[in-house]
Amino acid sequence: RQAPGKQRELVATITSGGSTNYADSVEGRFTISRDNAKNT
């Protein structure tokens, strides 16, 4: 994400195997998921 006047920052990532990583600022509030069959 990129807020006005700020640099783009990581929010969350997920690997094809389902491993996730979150920014500290969103941990516990945001959840990332993916559907590999739909590439979504």
PDB file of all heavy atoms in Angstrom:
ATOM      1  N   ARG A   1       0.823  -1.196   0.000  1.00  0.00           N
ATOM      2  CA  ARG A   1       0.000   0.000   0.000  1.00  0.00           C
ATOM      3  C   ARG A   1       0.861   1.251   0.000  1.00  0.00           C
ATOM      4  O   ARG A   1       2.002   1.223   0.443  1.00  0.00           O
ATOM      5  CB  ARG A   1      -0.959   0.002   1.197  1.00  0.00           C
ATOM      6  CG  ARG A   1      -0.268   0.146   2.556  1.00  0.00           C
ATOM      7  CD  ARG A   1      -1.290  -0.001   3.680  1.00  0.00           C
ATOM      8  NE  ARG A   1      -0.671   0.158   4.989  1.00  0.00           N
ATOM      9  CZ  ARG A   1      -1.318  -0.029   6.133  1.00  0.00           C
ATOM     10  NH1 ARG A   1      -2.600  -0.377   6.141  1.00  0.00           N
ATOM     11  NH2 ARG A   1      -0.677   0.152   7.285  1.00  0.00           N
ATOM     12  N   GLN A   2       0.269   2.310  -0.513  1.00  0.00           N
ATOM     13  CA  GLN A   2       0.969   3.589  -0.561  1.00  0.00           C
ATOM     14  C   GLN A   2       0.000   4.684  -0.155  1.00  0.00           C
ATOM     15  O   GLN A   2      -1.006   4.922  -0.844  1.00  0.00           O
ATOM     16  CB  GLN A   2       1.534   3.858  -1.951  1.00  0.00           C
ATOM     17  CG  GLN A   2       2.420   5.090  -2.014  1.00  0.00           C
ATOM     18  CD  GLN A   2       3.226   5.161  -3.293  1.00  0.00           C
ATOM     19  OE1 GLN A   2       2.929   4.484  -4.278  1.00  0.00           O
ATOM     20  NE2 GLN A   2       4.278   5.972  -3.280  1.00  0.00           N
ATOM     21  N   ALA A   3       0.300   5.321   0.952  1.00  0.00           N
ATOM     22  CA  ALA A   3      -0.490   6.443   1.428  1.00  0.00           C
ATOM     23  C   ALA A   3       0.062   7.734   0.824  1.00  0.00           C
ATOM     24  O   ALA A   3       1.226   7.783   0.409  1.00  0.00           O
ATOM     25  CB  ALA A   3      -0.441   6.509   2.955  1.00  0.00           C
ATOM     26  N   PRO A   4      -0.742   8.769   0.777  1.00  0.00           N
ATOM     27  CA  PRO A   4      -0.289  10.049   0.202  1.00  0.00           C
ATOM     28  C   PRO A   4       0.974  10.545   0.893  1.00  0.00           C
ATOM     29  O   PRO A   4       1.037  10.608   2.125  1.00  0.00           O
ATOM     30  CB  PRO A   4      -1.472  10.978   0.453  1.00  0.00           C
ATOM     31  CG  PRO A   4      -2.650  10.083   0.524  1.00  0.00           C
ATOM     32  CD  PRO A   4      -2.166   8.822   1.172  1.00  0.00           C
ATOM     33  N   GLY A   5       1.982  10.879   0.087  1.00  0.00           N
ATOM     34  CA  GLY A   5       3.226  11.415   0.626  1.00  0.00           C
ATOM     35  C   GLY A   5       4.150  10.393   1.244  1.00  0.00           C
ATOM     36  O   GLY A   5       5.179  10.753   1.811  1.00  0.00           O
ATOM     37  N   LYS A   6       3.797   9.112   1.144  1.00  0.00           N
ATOM     38  CA  LYS A   6       4.628   8.057   1.748  1.00  0.00           C
ATOM     39  C   LYS A   6       5.072   7.061   0.700  1.00  0.00           C
ATOM     40  O   LYS A   6       4.509   6.983  -0.391  1.00  0.00           O
ATOM     41  CB  LYS A   6       3.856   7.350   2.863  1.00  0.00           C
ATOM     42  CG  LYS A   6       3.514   8.245   4.043  1.00  0.00           C
ATOM     43  CD  LYS A   6       2.924   7.440   5.174  1.00  0.00           C
ATOM     44  CE  LYS A   6       2.643   8.316   6.396  1.00  0.00           C
ATOM     45  NZ  LYS A   6       2.080   7.523   7.533  1.00  0.00           N
ATOM     46  N   GLN A   7       6.079   6.268   1.071  1.00  0.00           N
ATOM     47  CA  GLN A   7       6.551   5.234   0.167  1.00  0.00           C
ATOM     48  C   GLN A   7       5.632   4.025   0.209  1.00  0.00           C
ATOM     49  O   GLN A   7       4.914   3.794   1.189  1.00  0.00           O
ATOM     50  CB  GLN A   7       7.977   4.828   0.561  1.00  0.00           C
ATOM     51  CG  GLN A   7       9.029   5.884   0.298  1.00  0.00           C
ATOM     52  CD  GLN A   7      10.431   5.374   0.537  1.00  0.00           C
ATOM     53  OE1 GLN A   7      10.663   4.527   1.396  1.00  0.00           O
ATOM     54  NE2 GLN A   7      11.390   5.870  -0.225  1.00  0.00           N
ATOM     55  N   ARG A   8       5.692   3.261  -0.863  1.00  0.00           N
ATOM     56  CA  ARG A   8       4.928   2.018  -0.891  1.00  0.00           C
ATOM     57  C   ARG A   8       5.505   1.066   0.148  1.00  0.00           C
ATOM     58  O   ARG A   8       6.715   0.927   0.283  1.00  0.00           O
ATOM     59  CB  ARG A   8       5.005   1.387  -2.277  1.00  0.00           C
ATOM     60  CG  ARG A   8       4.079   0.207  -2.484  1.00  0.00           C
ATOM     61  CD  ARG A   8       4.093  -0.283  -3.920  1.00  0.00           C
ATOM     62  NE  ARG A   8       3.623   0.739  -4.847  1.00  0.00           N
ATOM     63  CZ  ARG A   8       3.374   0.496  -6.148  1.00  0.00           C
ATOM     64  NH1 ARG A   8       3.543  -0.719  -6.632  1.00  0.00           N
ATOM     65  NH2 ARG A   8       2.975   1.473  -6.930  1.00  0.00           N
ATOM     66  N   GLU A   9       4.614   0.398   0.875  1.00  0.00           N
ATOM     67  CA  GLU A   9       5.055  -0.502   1.934  1.00  0.00           C
ATOM     68  C   GLU A   9       4.366  -1.851   1.842  1.00  0.00           C
ATOM     69  O   GLU A   9       3.248  -1.964   1.347  1.00  0.00           O
ATOM     70  CB  GLU A   9       4.768   0.110   3.318  1.00  0.00           C
ATOM     71  CG  GLU A   9       3.307   0.314   3.621  1.00  0.00           C
ATOM     72  CD  GLU A   9       3.053   0.818   5.049  1.00  0.00           C
ATOM     73  OE1 GLU A   9       4.027   1.053   5.780  1.00  0.00           O
ATOM     74  OE2 GLU A   9       1.872   0.970   5.408  1.00  0.00           O
ATOM     75  N   LEU A  10       5.064  -2.847   2.345  1.00  0.00           N
ATOM     76  CA  LEU A  10       4.511  -4.200   2.373  1.00  0.00           C
ATOM     77  C   LEU A  10       3.352  -4.266   3.358  1.00  0.00           C
ATOM     78  O   LEU A  10       3.425  -3.726   4.461  1.00  0.00           O
ATOM     79  CB  LEU A  10       5.598  -5.184   2.803  1.00  0.00           C
ATOM     80  CG  LEU A  10       5.145  -6.588   3.154  1.00  0.00           C
ATOM     81  CD1 LEU A  10       4.781  -7.348   1.899  1.00  0.00           C
ATOM     82  CD2 LEU A  10       6.222  -7.318   3.935  1.00  0.00           C
ATOM     83  N   VAL A  11       2.286  -4.952   2.953  1.00  0.00           N
ATOM     84  CA  VAL A  11       1.171  -5.233   3.846  1.00  0.00           C
ATOM     85  C   VAL A  11       1.205  -6.708   4.248  1.00  0.00           C
ATOM     86  O   VAL A  11       1.252  -7.042   5.429  1.00  0.00           O
ATOM     87  CB  VAL A  11      -0.170  -4.886   3.194  1.00  0.00           C
ATOM     88  CG1 VAL A  11      -1.329  -5.306   4.094  1.00  0.00           C
ATOM     89  CG2 VAL A  11      -0.257  -3.401   2.869  1.00  0.00           C
ATOM     90  N   ALA A  12       1.182  -7.572   3.245  1.00  0.00           N
ATOM     91  CA  ALA A  12       1.178  -9.009   3.523  1.00  0.00           C
ATOM     92  C   ALA A  12       1.559  -9.780   2.267  1.00  0.00           C
ATOM     93  O   ALA A  12       1.303  -9.312   1.153  1.00  0.00           O
ATOM     94  CB  ALA A  12      -0.195  -9.467   4.007  1.00  0.00           C
ATOM     95  N   THR A  13       2.170 -10.946   2.476  1.00  0.00           N
ATOM     96  CA  THR A  13       2.496 -11.823   1.359  1.00  0.00           C
ATOM     97  C   THR A  13       2.098 -13.254   1.690  1.00  0.00           C
ATOM     98  O   THR A  13       1.968 -13.621   2.867  1.00  0.00           O
ATOM     99  CB  THR A  13       4.000 -11.803   1.022  1.00  0.00           C
ATOM    100  OG1 THR A  13       4.745 -12.264   2.162  1.00  0.00           O
ATOM    101  CG2 THR A  13       4.466 -10.413   0.635  1.00  0.00           C
ATOM    102  N   ILE A  14       1.933 -14.046   0.644  1.00  0.00           N
ATOM    103  CA  ILE A  14       1.604 -15.455   0.823  1.00  0.00           C
ATOM    104  C   ILE A  14       2.267 -16.250  -0.292  1.00  0.00           C
ATOM    105  O   ILE A  14       2.209 -15.860  -1.462  1.00  0.00           O
ATOM    106  CB  ILE A  14       0.071 -15.674   0.853  1.00  0.00           C
ATOM    107  CG1 ILE A  14      -0.257 -17.136   1.156  1.00  0.00           C
ATOM    108  CG2 ILE A  14      -0.598 -15.194  -0.425  1.00  0.00           C
ATOM    109  CD1 ILE A  14      -1.733 -17.360   1.499  1.00  0.00           C
ATOM    110  N   THR A  15       2.899 -17.354   0.069  1.00  0.00           N
ATOM    111  CA  THR A  15       3.550 -18.186  -0.933  1.00  0.00           C
ATOM    112  C   THR A  15       2.554 -19.180  -1.523  1.00  0.00           C
ATOM    113  O   THR A  15       1.432 -19.329  -1.022  1.00  0.00           O
ATOM    114  CB  THR A  15       4.715 -18.959  -0.318  1.00  0.00           C
ATOM    115  OG1 THR A  15       4.184 -19.928   0.615  1.00  0.00           O
ATOM    116  CG2 THR A  15       5.681 -18.038   0.406  1.00  0.00           C
ATOM    117  N   SER A  16       2.988 -19.874  -2.548  1.00  0.00           N
ATOM    118  CA  SER A  16       2.114 -20.884  -3.160  1.00  0.00           C
ATOM    119  C   SER A  16       1.811 -22.012  -2.183  1.00  0.00           C
ATOM    120  O   SER A  16       0.786 -22.671  -2.307  1.00  0.00           O
ATOM    121  CB  SER A  16       2.769 -21.444  -4.428  1.00  0.00           C
ATOM    122  OG  SER A  16       4.037 -21.983  -4.127  1.00  0.00           O
ATOM    123  N   GLY A  17       2.694 -22.187  -1.202  1.00  0.00           N
ATOM    124  CA  GLY A  17       2.473 -23.214  -0.190  1.00  0.00           C
ATOM    125  C   GLY A  17       1.640 -22.749   0.982  1.00  0.00           C
ATOM    126  O   GLY A  17       1.317 -23.539   1.874  1.00  0.00           O
ATOM    127  N   GLY A  18       1.307 -21.464   0.994  1.00  0.00           N
ATOM    128  CA  GLY A  18       0.436 -20.940   2.049  1.00  0.00           C
ATOM    129  C   GLY A  18       1.139 -20.240   3.193  1.00  0.00           C
ATOM    130  O   GLY A  18       0.477 -19.802   4.144  1.00  0.00           O
ATOM    131  N   SER A  19       2.443 -20.096   3.135  1.00  0.00           N
ATOM    132  CA  SER A  19       3.143 -19.367   4.187  1.00  0.00           C
ATOM    133  C   SER A  19       2.864 -17.877   4.056  1.00  0.00           C
ATOM    134  O   SER A  19       2.921 -17.332   2.954  1.00  0.00           O
ATOM    135  CB  SER A  19       4.650 -19.620   4.089  1.00  0.00           C
ATOM    136  OG  SER A  19       4.941 -20.975   4.329  1.00  0.00           O
ATOM    137  N   THR A  20       2.572 -17.251   5.185  1.00  0.00           N
ATOM    138  CA  THR A  20       2.186 -15.848   5.169  1.00  0.00           C
ATOM    139  C   THR A  20       3.171 -14.979   5.956  1.00  0.00           C
ATOM    140  O   THR A  20       3.877 -15.452   6.847  1.00  0.00           O
ATOM    141  CB  THR A  20       0.781 -15.650   5.749  1.00  0.00           C
ATOM    142  OG1 THR A  20       0.759 -16.146   7.101  1.00  0.00           O
ATOM    143  CG2 THR A  20      -0.257 -16.386   4.929  1.00  0.00           C
ATOM    144  N   ASN A  21       3.162 -13.711   5.598  1.00  0.00           N
ATOM    145  CA  ASN A  21       3.992 -12.718   6.277  1.00  0.00           C
ATOM    146  C   ASN A  21       3.201 -11.419   6.316  1.00  0.00           C
ATOM    147  O   ASN A  21       2.580 -11.050   5.312  1.00  0.00           O
ATOM    148  CB  ASN A  21       5.303 -12.511   5.524  1.00  0.00           C
ATOM    149  CG  ASN A  21       6.186 -11.481   6.172  1.00  0.00           C
ATOM    150  OD1 ASN A  21       6.482 -11.562   7.352  1.00  0.00           O
ATOM    151  ND2 ASN A  21       6.604 -10.479   5.414  1.00  0.00           N
ATOM    152  N   TYR A  22       3.214 -10.743   7.480  1.00  0.00           N
ATOM    153  CA  TYR A  22       2.446  -9.515   7.648  1.00  0.00           C
ATOM    154  C   TYR A  22       3.311  -8.380   8.187  1.00  0.00           C
ATOM    155  O   TYR A  22       4.242  -8.612   8.972  1.00  0.00           O
ATOM    156  CB  TYR A  22       1.292  -9.726   8.639  1.00  0.00           C
ATOM    157  CG  TYR A  22       0.238 -10.685   8.187  1.00  0.00           C
ATOM    158  CD1 TYR A  22       0.297 -12.030   8.513  1.00  0.00           C
ATOM    159  CD2 TYR A  22      -0.847 -10.239   7.433  1.00  0.00           C
ATOM    160  CE1 TYR A  22      -0.688 -12.924   8.094  1.00  0.00           C
ATOM    161  CE2 TYR A  22      -1.848 -11.119   7.019  1.00  0.00           C
ATOM    162  CZ  TYR A  22      -1.756 -12.454   7.354  1.00  0.00           C
ATOM    163  OH  TYR A  22      -2.737 -13.318   6.940  1.00  0.00           O
ATOM    164  N   ALA A  23       2.961  -7.180   7.796  1.00  0.00           N
ATOM    165  CA  ALA A  23       3.557  -6.016   8.433  1.00  0.00           C
ATOM    166  C   ALA A  23       3.047  -5.943   9.869  1.00  0.00           C
ATOM    167  O   ALA A  23       1.909  -6.320  10.151  1.00  0.00           O
ATOM    168  CB  ALA A  23       3.163  -4.747   7.675  1.00  0.00           C
ATOM    169  N   ASP A  24       3.904  -5.450  10.760  1.00  0.00           N
ATOM    170  CA  ASP A  24       3.506  -5.367  12.167  1.00  0.00           C
ATOM    171  C   ASP A  24       2.238  -4.537  12.345  1.00  0.00           C
ATOM    172  O   ASP A  24       1.402  -4.832  13.210  1.00  0.00           O
ATOM    173  CB  ASP A  24       4.639  -4.743  12.985  1.00  0.00           C
ATOM    174  CG  ASP A  24       5.842  -5.671  13.115  1.00  0.00           C
ATOM    175  OD1 ASP A  24       5.683  -6.888  12.864  1.00  0.00           O
ATOM    176  OD2 ASP A  24       6.931  -5.188  13.455  1.00  0.00           O
ATOM    177  N   SER A  25       2.082  -3.517  11.514  1.00  0.00           N
ATOM    178  CA  SER A  25       0.963  -2.582  11.674  1.00  0.00           C
ATOM    179  C   SER A  25      -0.389  -3.211  11.352  1.00  0.00           C
ATOM    180  O   SER A  25      -1.426  -2.661  11.725  1.00  0.00           O
ATOM    181  CB  SER A  25       1.183  -1.356  10.795  1.00  0.00           C
ATOM    182  OG  SER A  25       1.300  -1.736   9.434  1.00  0.00           O
ATOM    183  N   VAL A  26      -0.387  -4.346  10.666  1.00  0.00           N
ATOM    184  CA  VAL A  26      -1.665  -4.967  10.264  1.00  0.00           C
ATOM    185  C   VAL A  26      -1.855  -6.340  10.885  1.00  0.00           C
ATOM    186  O   VAL A  26      -2.926  -6.934  10.759  1.00  0.00           O
ATOM    187  CB  VAL A  26      -1.781  -5.072   8.733  1.00  0.00           C
ATOM    188  CG1 VAL A  26      -1.531  -3.707   8.091  1.00  0.00           C
ATOM    189  CG2 VAL A  26      -0.847  -6.116   8.143  1.00  0.00           C
ATOM    190  N   GLU A  27      -0.833  -6.857  11.532  1.00  0.00           N
ATOM    191  CA  GLU A  27      -0.912  -8.177  12.146  1.00  0.00           C
ATOM    192  C   GLU A  27      -2.119  -8.259  13.070  1.00  0.00           C
ATOM    193  O   GLU A  27      -2.350  -7.381  13.903  1.00  0.00           O
ATOM    194  CB  GLU A  27       0.371  -8.452  12.930  1.00  0.00           C
ATOM    195  CG  GLU A  27       0.453  -9.843  13.528  1.00  0.00           C
ATOM    196  CD  GLU A  27       1.018 -10.863  12.566  1.00  0.00           C
ATOM    197  OE1 GLU A  27       2.085 -10.622  12.009  1.00  0.00           O
ATOM    198  OE2 GLU A  27       0.370 -11.911  12.382  1.00  0.00           O
ATOM    199  N   GLY A  28      -2.916  -9.297  12.896  1.00  0.00           N
ATOM    200  CA  GLY A  28      -4.096  -9.502  13.720  1.00  0.00           C
ATOM    201  C   GLY A  28      -5.362  -8.851  13.186  1.00  0.00           C
ATOM    202  O   GLY A  28      -6.470  -9.185  13.623  1.00  0.00           O
ATOM    203  N   ARG A  29      -5.221  -7.918  12.236  1.00  0.00           N
ATOM    204  CA  ARG A  29      -6.400  -7.259  11.668  1.00  0.00           C
ATOM    205  C   ARG A  29      -6.613  -7.642  10.210  1.00  0.00           C
ATOM    206  O   ARG A  29      -7.746  -7.664   9.726  1.00  0.00           O
ATOM    207  CB  ARG A  29      -6.246  -5.735  11.758  1.00  0.00           C
ATOM    208  CG  ARG A  29      -6.135  -5.187  13.153  1.00  0.00           C
ATOM    209  CD  ARG A  29      -6.185  -3.657  13.154  1.00  0.00           C
ATOM    210  NE  ARG A  29      -5.065  -3.062  12.428  1.00  0.00           N
ATOM    211  CZ  ARG A  29      -5.208  -2.261  11.373  1.00  0.00           C
ATOM    212  NH1 ARG A  29      -6.418  -1.958  10.928  1.00  0.00           N
ATOM    213  NH2 ARG A  29      -4.129  -1.747  10.771  1.00  0.00           N
ATOM    214  N   PHE A  30      -5.534  -7.920   9.512  1.00  0.00           N
ATOM    215  CA  PHE A  30      -5.608  -8.279   8.093  1.00  0.00           C
ATOM    216  C   PHE A  30      -5.311  -9.767   7.940  1.00  0.00           C
ATOM    217  O   PHE A  30      -4.472 -10.320   8.658  1.00  0.00           O
ATOM    218  CB  PHE A  30      -4.578  -7.492   7.280  1.00  0.00           C
ATOM    219  CG  PHE A  30      -4.826  -6.013   7.145  1.00  0.00           C
ATOM    220  CD1 PHE A  30      -5.698  -5.350   7.992  1.00  0.00           C
ATOM    221  CD2 PHE A  30      -4.182  -5.292   6.159  1.00  0.00           C
ATOM    222  CE1 PHE A  30      -5.927  -3.988   7.862  1.00  0.00           C
ATOM    223  CE2 PHE A  30      -4.390  -3.925   6.017  1.00  0.00           C
ATOM    224  CZ  PHE A  30      -5.256  -3.271   6.872  1.00  0.00           C
ATOM    225  N   THR A  31      -5.976 -10.383   6.985  1.00  0.00           N
ATOM    226  CA  THR A  31      -5.718 -11.789   6.672  1.00  0.00           C
ATOM    227  C   THR A  31      -5.574 -11.951   5.171  1.00  0.00           C
ATOM    228  O   THR A  31      -6.477 -11.582   4.414  1.00  0.00           O
ATOM    229  CB  THR A  31      -6.860 -12.685   7.176  1.00  0.00           C
ATOM    230  OG1 THR A  31      -7.027 -12.510   8.583  1.00  0.00           O
ATOM    231  CG2 THR A  31      -6.539 -14.150   6.887  1.00  0.00           C
ATOM    232  N   ILE A  32      -4.443 -12.505   4.765  1.00  0.00           N
ATOM    233  CA  ILE A  32      -4.209 -12.764   3.348  1.00  0.00           C
ATOM    234  C   ILE A  32      -4.470 -14.237   3.066  1.00  0.00           C
ATOM    235  O   ILE A  32      -4.164 -15.107   3.894  1.00  0.00           O
ATOM    236  CB  ILE A  32      -2.772 -12.372   2.931  1.00  0.00           C
ATOM    237  CG1 ILE A  32      -2.615 -12.405   1.411  1.00  0.00           C
ATOM    238  CG2 ILE A  32      -1.728 -13.235   3.629  1.00  0.00           C
ATOM    239  CD1 ILE A  32      -1.310 -11.794   0.917  1.00  0.00           C
ATOM    240  N   SER A  33      -5.057 -14.507   1.911  1.00  0.00           N
ATOM    241  CA  SER A  33      -5.308 -15.888   1.498  1.00  0.00           C
ATOM    242  C   SER A  33      -5.253 -15.946  -0.022  1.00  0.00           C
ATOM    243  O   SER A  33      -5.256 -14.914  -0.686  1.00  0.00           O
ATOM    244  CB  SER A  33      -6.668 -16.377   2.009  1.00  0.00           C
ATOM    245  OG  SER A  33      -7.718 -15.566   1.491  1.00  0.00           O
ATOM    246  N   ARG A  34      -5.173 -17.153  -0.542  1.00  0.00           N
ATOM    247  CA  ARG A  34      -5.135 -17.281  -1.996  1.00  0.00           C
ATOM    248  C   ARG A  34      -5.804 -18.557  -2.435  1.00  0.00           C
ATOM    249  O   ARG A  34      -5.871 -19.543  -1.681  1.00  0.00           O
ATOM    250  CB  ARG A  34      -3.699 -17.218  -2.527  1.00  0.00           C
ATOM    251  CG  ARG A  34      -2.805 -18.341  -2.093  1.00  0.00           C
ATOM    252  CD  ARG A  34      -1.349 -18.089  -2.524  1.00  0.00           C
ATOM    253  NE  ARG A  34      -1.130 -18.384  -3.931  1.00  0.00           N
ATOM    254  CZ  ARG A  34       0.051 -18.195  -4.548  1.00  0.00           C
ATOM    255  NH1 ARG A  34       1.076 -17.675  -3.873  1.00  0.00           N
ATOM    256  NH2 ARG A  34       0.185 -18.498  -5.833  1.00  0.00           N
ATOM    257  N   ASP A  35      -6.299 -18.520  -3.666  1.00  0.00           N
ATOM    258  CA  ASP A  35      -6.895 -19.679  -4.310  1.00  0.00           C
ATOM    259  C   ASP A  35      -5.995 -19.996  -5.494  1.00  0.00           C
ATOM    260  O   ASP A  35      -6.041 -19.309  -6.520  1.00  0.00           O
ATOM    261  CB  ASP A  35      -8.324 -19.357  -4.758  1.00  0.00           C
ATOM    262  CG  ASP A  35      -9.036 -20.550  -5.351  1.00  0.00           C
ATOM    263  OD1 ASP A  35      -8.355 -21.459  -5.896  1.00  0.00           O
ATOM    264  OD2 ASP A  35     -10.274 -20.580  -5.300  1.00  0.00           O
ATOM    265  N   ASN A  36      -5.157 -21.005  -5.346  1.00  0.00           N
ATOM    266  CA  ASN A  36      -4.189 -21.320  -6.394  1.00  0.00           C
ATOM    267  C   ASN A  36      -4.862 -21.762  -7.685  1.00  0.00           C
ATOM    268  O   ASN A  36      -4.352 -21.504  -8.775  1.00  0.00           O
ATOM    269  CB  ASN A  36      -3.224 -22.398  -5.917  1.00  0.00           C
ATOM    270  CG  ASN A  36      -2.264 -21.880  -4.856  1.00  0.00           C
ATOM    271  OD1 ASN A  36      -1.928 -20.695  -4.821  1.00  0.00           O
ATOM    272  ND2 ASN A  36      -1.825 -22.760  -3.971  1.00  0.00           N
ATOM    273  N   ALA A  37      -5.997 -22.409  -7.572  1.00  0.00           N
ATOM    274  CA  ALA A  37      -6.691 -22.860  -8.774  1.00  0.00           C
ATOM    275  C   ALA A  37      -7.187 -21.677  -9.604  1.00  0.00           C
ATOM    276  O   ALA A  37      -7.292 -21.761 -10.830  1.00  0.00           O
ATOM    277  CB  ALA A  37      -7.864 -23.750  -8.391  1.00  0.00           C
ATOM    278  N   LYS A  38      -7.475 -20.571  -8.923  1.00  0.00           N
ATOM    279  CA  LYS A  38      -7.979 -19.375  -9.616  1.00  0.00           C
ATOM    280  C   LYS A  38      -6.909 -18.303  -9.788  1.00  0.00           C
ATOM    281  O   LYS A  38      -7.181 -17.238 -10.332  1.00  0.00           O
ATOM    282  CB  LYS A  38      -9.159 -18.784  -8.831  1.00  0.00           C
ATOM    283  CG  LYS A  38     -10.371 -19.683  -8.750  1.00  0.00           C
ATOM    284  CD  LYS A  38     -11.495 -18.997  -7.980  1.00  0.00           C
ATOM    285  CE  LYS A  38     -12.736 -19.876  -7.903  1.00  0.00           C
ATOM    286  NZ  LYS A  38     -13.828 -19.225  -7.134  1.00  0.00           N
ATOM    287  N   ASN A  39      -5.683 -18.583  -9.303  1.00  0.00           N
ATOM    288  CA  ASN A  39      -4.628 -17.560  -9.330  1.00  0.00           C
ATOM    289  C   ASN A  39      -5.121 -16.237  -8.765  1.00  0.00           C
ATOM    290  O   ASN A  39      -4.914 -15.168  -9.358  1.00  0.00           O
ATOM    291  CB  ASN A  39      -4.090 -17.362 -10.756  1.00  0.00           C
ATOM    292  CG  ASN A  39      -2.966 -18.330 -11.089  1.00  0.00           C
ATOM    293  OD1 ASN A  39      -2.496 -19.079 -10.229  1.00  0.00           O
ATOM    294  ND2 ASN A  39      -2.553 -18.341 -12.339  1.00  0.00           N
ATOM    295  N   THR A  40      -5.786 -16.323  -7.636  1.00  0.00           N
ATOM    296  CA  THR A  40      -6.379 -15.148  -7.006  1.00  0.00           C
ATOM    297  C   THR A  40      -5.907 -15.037  -5.563  1.00  0.00           C
ATOM    298  O   THR A  40      -5.827 -16.047  -4.856  1.00  0.00           O
ATOM    299  CB  THR A  40      -7.913 -15.228  -7.057  1.00  0.00           C
ATOM    300  OG1 THR A  40      -8.335 -15.277  -8.428  1.00  0.00           O
ATOM    301  CG2 THR A  40      -8.545 -14.022  -6.386  1.00  0.00           C
TER     302      THR A  40
END
